[in-house]
Amino acid sequence: MGQHIQGPLVCKNDVTIGDDLNHDGSNVGFFGTTPTTKTAVADVGAFTAMGAVAVPTPAIPPVPANDTADDTVLAISTLDSNVTQLKTDLDTLRTKVNDLLDALQAYGWFEC
């Protein structure tokens, strides 16, 4: 079924593959790039759940004389914590996207 070729196959014109391409080698390169090995890019993973924030509207009011600032401080603290976690998650996502772009560039799929 089909023909087997030992050694390199050089085609000077277009090549059309009419069915699945099964590549069993260790390296691949496209558009004239040097073939390179498969690059592992870890998934982003689960993002950390953020706490609910009950921020007074429209702004944090002054604390009444018979109350404490505990609720307001807790809301600000939770909000600050959520913003910090969001920044961490975005930094993680940015790193993964850059790793993916680097891998695709190495294969020759596009240039940035």
N, C-alpha and C. Protein backbone atom coordinates (compact mmCIF):
# COMPACT_ATOMS: atom_id res chain seq x y z
N MET A 1 0.85 -1.17 0.00
CA MET A 1 0.00 0.00 0.00
C MET A 1 0.90 1.23 0.00
N GLY A 2 0.95 1.95 -1.07
CA GLY A 2 1.81 3.11 -1.17
C GLY A 2 3.26 2.71 -1.39
N GLN A 3 4.10 3.70 -1.51
CA GLN A 3 5.52 3.45 -1.72
C GLN A 3 6.31 4.03 -0.57
N HIS A 4 7.39 3.35 -0.20
CA HIS A 4 8.26 3.81 0.87
C HIS A 4 9.53 4.36 0.25
N ILE A 5 9.99 5.48 0.77
CA ILE A 5 11.21 6.12 0.29
C ILE A 5 12.20 6.16 1.43
N GLN A 6 13.39 5.66 1.19
CA GLN A 6 14.46 5.73 2.19
C GLN A 6 15.27 6.98 1.91
N GLY A 7 15.60 7.75 2.93
CA GLY A 7 16.38 8.97 2.75
C GLY A 7 15.48 10.16 2.48
N PRO A 8 16.10 11.33 2.25
CA PRO A 8 15.31 12.55 2.07
C PRO A 8 14.58 12.57 0.73
N LEU A 9 13.43 13.19 0.74
CA LEU A 9 12.65 13.42 -0.48
C LEU A 9 12.65 14.92 -0.72
N VAL A 10 13.15 15.33 -1.85
CA VAL A 10 13.22 16.76 -2.17
C VAL A 10 12.26 17.02 -3.31
N CYS A 11 11.35 17.95 -3.13
CA CYS A 11 10.39 18.33 -4.16
C CYS A 11 10.63 19.79 -4.50
N LYS A 12 10.77 20.11 -5.77
CA LYS A 12 11.05 21.48 -6.17
C LYS A 12 9.78 22.27 -6.45
N ASN A 13 8.65 21.62 -6.45
CA ASN A 13 7.37 22.29 -6.69
C ASN A 13 6.42 21.97 -5.54
N ASP A 14 5.18 22.36 -5.71
CA ASP A 14 4.17 22.12 -4.68
C ASP A 14 3.97 20.62 -4.45
N VAL A 15 3.61 20.29 -3.22
CA VAL A 15 3.26 18.92 -2.86
C VAL A 15 1.85 18.97 -2.27
N THR A 16 1.00 18.11 -2.76
CA THR A 16 -0.36 18.03 -2.25
C THR A 16 -0.53 16.70 -1.53
N ILE A 17 -1.04 16.78 -0.31
CA ILE A 17 -1.33 15.59 0.46
C ILE A 17 -2.84 15.48 0.53
N GLY A 18 -3.37 14.43 -0.07
CA GLY A 18 -4.82 14.30 -0.19
C GLY A 18 -5.48 13.58 0.97
N ASP A 19 -4.72 13.23 1.96
CA ASP A 19 -5.28 12.52 3.10
C ASP A 19 -4.54 12.97 4.36
N ASP A 20 -4.63 12.22 5.44
CA ASP A 20 -3.96 12.59 6.68
C ASP A 20 -2.45 12.59 6.50
N LEU A 21 -1.79 13.48 7.20
CA LEU A 21 -0.33 13.51 7.25
C LEU A 21 0.08 12.92 8.59
N ASN A 22 0.80 11.82 8.54
CA ASN A 22 1.26 11.16 9.76
C ASN A 22 2.76 11.36 9.85
N HIS A 23 3.17 12.27 10.71
CA HIS A 23 4.60 12.57 10.88
C HIS A 23 5.08 11.87 12.14
N ASP A 24 6.01 10.92 11.98
CA ASP A 24 6.51 10.16 13.12
C ASP A 24 7.88 10.62 13.57
N GLY A 25 8.41 11.68 12.97
CA GLY A 25 9.74 12.17 13.33
C GLY A 25 9.73 12.98 14.61
N SER A 26 10.89 13.44 15.01
CA SER A 26 11.04 14.20 16.25
C SER A 26 11.02 15.71 16.03
N ASN A 27 11.23 16.17 14.82
CA ASN A 27 11.36 17.60 14.53
C ASN A 27 10.42 18.01 13.42
N VAL A 28 10.04 19.29 13.43
CA VAL A 28 9.21 19.84 12.36
C VAL A 28 9.57 21.31 12.17
N GLY A 29 9.52 21.75 10.93
CA GLY A 29 9.75 23.15 10.60
C GLY A 29 8.92 23.52 9.39
N PHE A 30 8.38 24.72 9.36
CA PHE A 30 7.56 25.19 8.25
C PHE A 30 8.13 26.48 7.70
N PHE A 31 7.83 26.75 6.44
CA PHE A 31 8.19 27.99 5.77
C PHE A 31 9.68 28.26 5.83
N GLY A 32 10.48 27.22 5.65
CA GLY A 32 11.93 27.39 5.57
C GLY A 32 12.64 27.51 6.91
N THR A 33 11.93 27.33 8.02
CA THR A 33 12.61 27.38 9.32
C THR A 33 13.30 26.05 9.58
N THR A 34 14.35 26.10 10.38
CA THR A 34 15.06 24.89 10.76
C THR A 34 14.14 24.02 11.61
N PRO A 35 13.99 22.75 11.26
CA PRO A 35 13.14 21.87 12.07
C PRO A 35 13.58 21.86 13.53
N THR A 36 12.62 21.87 14.41
CA THR A 36 12.87 21.89 15.84
C THR A 36 12.00 20.86 16.54
N THR A 37 12.35 20.53 17.76
CA THR A 37 11.60 19.52 18.51
C THR A 37 10.30 20.10 19.04
N LYS A 38 9.43 19.20 19.44
CA LYS A 38 8.14 19.58 20.03
C LYS A 38 8.38 20.34 21.32
N THR A 39 7.70 21.46 21.48
CA THR A 39 7.84 22.29 22.67
C THR A 39 6.64 22.08 23.58
N ALA A 40 6.90 21.79 24.83
CA ALA A 40 5.82 21.63 25.80
C ALA A 40 5.44 22.99 26.38
N VAL A 41 4.17 23.31 26.34
CA VAL A 41 3.65 24.52 26.97
C VAL A 41 2.56 24.07 27.93
N ALA A 42 2.82 24.26 29.21
CA ALA A 42 1.85 23.83 30.23
C ALA A 42 0.57 24.63 30.12
N ASP A 43 -0.53 24.01 30.51
CA ASP A 43 -1.79 24.75 30.49
C ASP A 43 -1.78 25.82 31.57
N VAL A 44 -2.69 26.73 31.46
CA VAL A 44 -2.75 27.86 32.39
C VAL A 44 -3.11 27.38 33.79
N GLY A 45 -3.91 26.35 33.89
CA GLY A 45 -4.35 25.88 35.20
C GLY A 45 -5.55 26.66 35.69
N ALA A 46 -6.05 26.26 36.80
CA ALA A 46 -7.23 26.90 37.36
C ALA A 46 -6.86 28.25 37.98
N PHE A 47 -7.70 29.20 37.74
CA PHE A 47 -7.51 30.50 38.37
C PHE A 47 -8.09 30.44 39.79
N THR A 48 -7.55 31.25 40.65
CA THR A 48 -8.00 31.28 42.03
C THR A 48 -9.34 32.00 42.14
N ALA A 49 -10.26 31.39 42.85
CA ALA A 49 -11.56 32.02 43.06
C ALA A 49 -11.40 33.26 43.92
N MET A 50 -12.14 34.28 43.58
CA MET A 50 -12.06 35.53 44.33
C MET A 50 -13.25 35.64 45.28
N GLY A 51 -13.03 36.31 46.39
CA GLY A 51 -14.09 36.50 47.38
C GLY A 51 -15.08 37.55 46.93
N ALA A 52 -16.28 37.44 47.44
CA ALA A 52 -17.31 38.43 47.14
C ALA A 52 -16.98 39.74 47.86
N VAL A 53 -17.24 40.81 47.17
CA VAL A 53 -16.95 42.13 47.75
C VAL A 53 -18.24 42.92 47.83
N ALA A 54 -18.56 43.39 49.01
CA ALA A 54 -19.72 44.25 49.20
C ALA A 54 -19.21 45.66 49.45
N VAL A 55 -18.96 46.37 48.37
CA VAL A 55 -18.44 47.73 48.50
C VAL A 55 -19.63 48.69 48.55
N PRO A 56 -19.68 49.56 49.55
CA PRO A 56 -20.77 50.52 49.63
C PRO A 56 -20.82 51.38 48.37
N THR A 57 -22.04 51.75 47.97
CA THR A 57 -22.23 52.53 46.76
C THR A 57 -22.72 53.91 47.14
N PRO A 58 -22.33 54.99 46.52
CA PRO A 58 -21.40 55.05 45.41
C PRO A 58 -19.94 55.04 45.85
N ALA A 59 -19.70 55.29 47.10
CA ALA A 59 -18.34 55.27 47.61
C ALA A 59 -18.40 54.83 49.06
N ILE A 60 -17.26 54.61 49.65
CA ILE A 60 -17.23 54.21 51.04
C ILE A 60 -17.62 55.41 51.91
N PRO A 61 -18.74 55.27 52.64
CA PRO A 61 -19.21 56.41 53.44
C PRO A 61 -18.40 56.55 54.72
N PRO A 62 -18.49 57.70 55.35
CA PRO A 62 -17.85 57.85 56.65
C PRO A 62 -18.49 56.91 57.67
N VAL A 63 -17.72 56.49 58.63
CA VAL A 63 -18.21 55.57 59.65
C VAL A 63 -19.04 56.35 60.67
N PRO A 64 -20.27 55.89 60.91
CA PRO A 64 -21.08 56.57 61.93
C PRO A 64 -20.44 56.45 63.30
N ALA A 65 -20.79 57.34 64.19
CA ALA A 65 -20.19 57.39 65.53
C ALA A 65 -20.46 56.12 66.33
N ASN A 66 -21.61 55.48 66.09
CA ASN A 66 -21.95 54.29 66.86
C ASN A 66 -21.58 52.98 66.14
N ASP A 67 -20.77 53.05 65.10
CA ASP A 67 -20.40 51.87 64.31
C ASP A 67 -18.88 51.76 64.28
N THR A 68 -18.41 50.68 63.75
CA THR A 68 -16.96 50.52 63.57
C THR A 68 -16.66 50.47 62.09
N ALA A 69 -15.42 50.58 61.78
CA ALA A 69 -14.99 50.56 60.38
C ALA A 69 -14.71 49.14 59.90
N ASP A 70 -15.01 48.13 60.73
CA ASP A 70 -14.67 46.75 60.39
C ASP A 70 -15.22 46.31 59.03
N ASP A 71 -16.53 46.59 58.76
CA ASP A 71 -17.13 46.16 57.50
C ASP A 71 -16.48 46.86 56.32
N THR A 72 -16.24 48.14 56.44
CA THR A 72 -15.61 48.90 55.36
C THR A 72 -14.18 48.43 55.12
N VAL A 73 -13.44 48.19 56.19
CA VAL A 73 -12.06 47.72 56.06
C VAL A 73 -12.04 46.33 55.44
N LEU A 74 -12.99 45.47 55.82
CA LEU A 74 -13.07 44.13 55.25
C LEU A 74 -13.36 44.21 53.75
N ALA A 75 -14.29 45.09 53.35
CA ALA A 75 -14.61 45.24 51.93
C ALA A 75 -13.40 45.72 51.15
N ILE A 76 -12.68 46.69 51.67
CA ILE A 76 -11.48 47.20 50.99
C ILE A 76 -10.41 46.13 50.94
N SER A 77 -10.23 45.39 52.02
CA SER A 77 -9.23 44.34 52.08
C SER A 77 -9.54 43.23 51.07
N THR A 78 -10.81 42.84 50.99
CA THR A 78 -11.22 41.80 50.04
C THR A 78 -11.04 42.29 48.61
N LEU A 79 -11.41 43.51 48.34
CA LEU A 79 -11.24 44.09 47.02
C LEU A 79 -9.77 44.14 46.63
N ASP A 80 -8.93 44.57 47.55
CA ASP A 80 -7.49 44.63 47.30
C ASP A 80 -6.94 43.23 47.03
N SER A 81 -7.38 42.26 47.79
CA SER A 81 -6.95 40.88 47.60
C SER A 81 -7.37 40.37 46.22
N ASN A 82 -8.61 40.67 45.82
CA ASN A 82 -9.10 40.25 44.50
C ASN A 82 -8.31 40.89 43.37
N VAL A 83 -7.99 42.16 43.49
CA VAL A 83 -7.21 42.85 42.46
C VAL A 83 -5.82 42.23 42.37
N THR A 84 -5.21 41.93 43.51
CA THR A 84 -3.89 41.30 43.52
C THR A 84 -3.95 39.93 42.85
N GLN A 85 -4.99 39.13 43.16
CA GLN A 85 -5.11 37.81 42.55
C GLN A 85 -5.38 37.92 41.06
N LEU A 86 -6.17 38.88 40.65
CA LEU A 86 -6.44 39.09 39.23
C LEU A 86 -5.15 39.43 38.49
N LYS A 87 -4.31 40.28 39.07
CA LYS A 87 -3.03 40.61 38.46
C LYS A 87 -2.15 39.36 38.33
N THR A 88 -2.13 38.54 39.37
CA THR A 88 -1.34 37.30 39.33
C THR A 88 -1.85 36.38 38.22
N ASP A 89 -3.17 36.23 38.12
CA ASP A 89 -3.74 35.38 37.07
C ASP A 89 -3.44 35.92 35.68
N LEU A 90 -3.51 37.23 35.51
CA LEU A 90 -3.19 37.82 34.20
C LEU A 90 -1.71 37.65 33.86
N ASP A 91 -0.84 37.79 34.84
CA ASP A 91 0.59 37.56 34.61
C ASP A 91 0.85 36.12 34.19
N THR A 92 0.17 35.17 34.84
CA THR A 92 0.30 33.75 34.49
C THR A 92 -0.18 33.51 33.07
N LEU A 93 -1.32 34.07 32.72
CA LEU A 93 -1.87 33.93 31.38
C LEU A 93 -0.93 34.54 30.34
N ARG A 94 -0.37 35.72 30.62
CA ARG A 94 0.56 36.37 29.71
C ARG A 94 1.78 35.48 29.45
N THR A 95 2.30 34.87 30.50
CA THR A 95 3.46 33.99 30.37
C THR A 95 3.12 32.80 29.48
N LYS A 96 1.97 32.19 29.68
CA LYS A 96 1.57 31.03 28.88
C LYS A 96 1.37 31.41 27.42
N VAL A 97 0.74 32.55 27.16
CA VAL A 97 0.53 32.99 25.78
C VAL A 97 1.89 33.24 25.12
N ASN A 98 2.82 33.87 25.83
CA ASN A 98 4.16 34.10 25.28
C ASN A 98 4.87 32.78 24.99
N ASP A 99 4.74 31.78 25.88
CA ASP A 99 5.34 30.46 25.64
C ASP A 99 4.76 29.83 24.38
N LEU A 100 3.46 29.95 24.21
CA LEU A 100 2.80 29.39 23.04
C LEU A 100 3.27 30.10 21.76
N LEU A 101 3.34 31.42 21.81
CA LEU A 101 3.82 32.18 20.65
C LEU A 101 5.26 31.81 20.30
N ASP A 102 6.11 31.66 21.31
CA ASP A 102 7.50 31.26 21.07
C ASP A 102 7.57 29.90 20.38
N ALA A 103 6.74 28.96 20.83
CA ALA A 103 6.74 27.62 20.23
C ALA A 103 6.27 27.69 18.78
N LEU A 104 5.21 28.41 18.51
CA LEU A 104 4.70 28.51 17.15
C LEU A 104 5.69 29.23 16.23
N GLN A 105 6.40 30.22 16.75
CA GLN A 105 7.43 30.89 15.96
C GLN A 105 8.57 29.94 15.63
N ALA A 106 8.96 29.11 16.59
CA ALA A 106 10.04 28.16 16.36
C ALA A 106 9.69 27.18 15.25
N TYR A 107 8.41 26.82 15.13
CA TYR A 107 7.98 25.91 14.07
C TYR A 107 7.84 26.63 12.72
N GLY A 108 7.88 27.95 12.74
CA GLY A 108 7.78 28.71 11.51
C GLY A 108 6.36 29.05 11.10
N TRP A 109 5.41 28.94 12.01
CA TRP A 109 4.03 29.18 11.66
C TRP A 109 3.70 30.64 11.52
N PHE A 110 4.43 31.52 12.19
CA PHE A 110 4.26 32.95 12.01
C PHE A 110 5.41 33.69 12.68
N GLU A 111 5.51 34.97 12.38
CA GLU A 111 6.53 35.82 13.00
C GLU A 111 5.85 36.94 13.74
N CYS A 112 6.43 37.33 14.85
CA CYS A 112 5.90 38.47 15.60
C CYS A 112 6.83 39.66 15.43
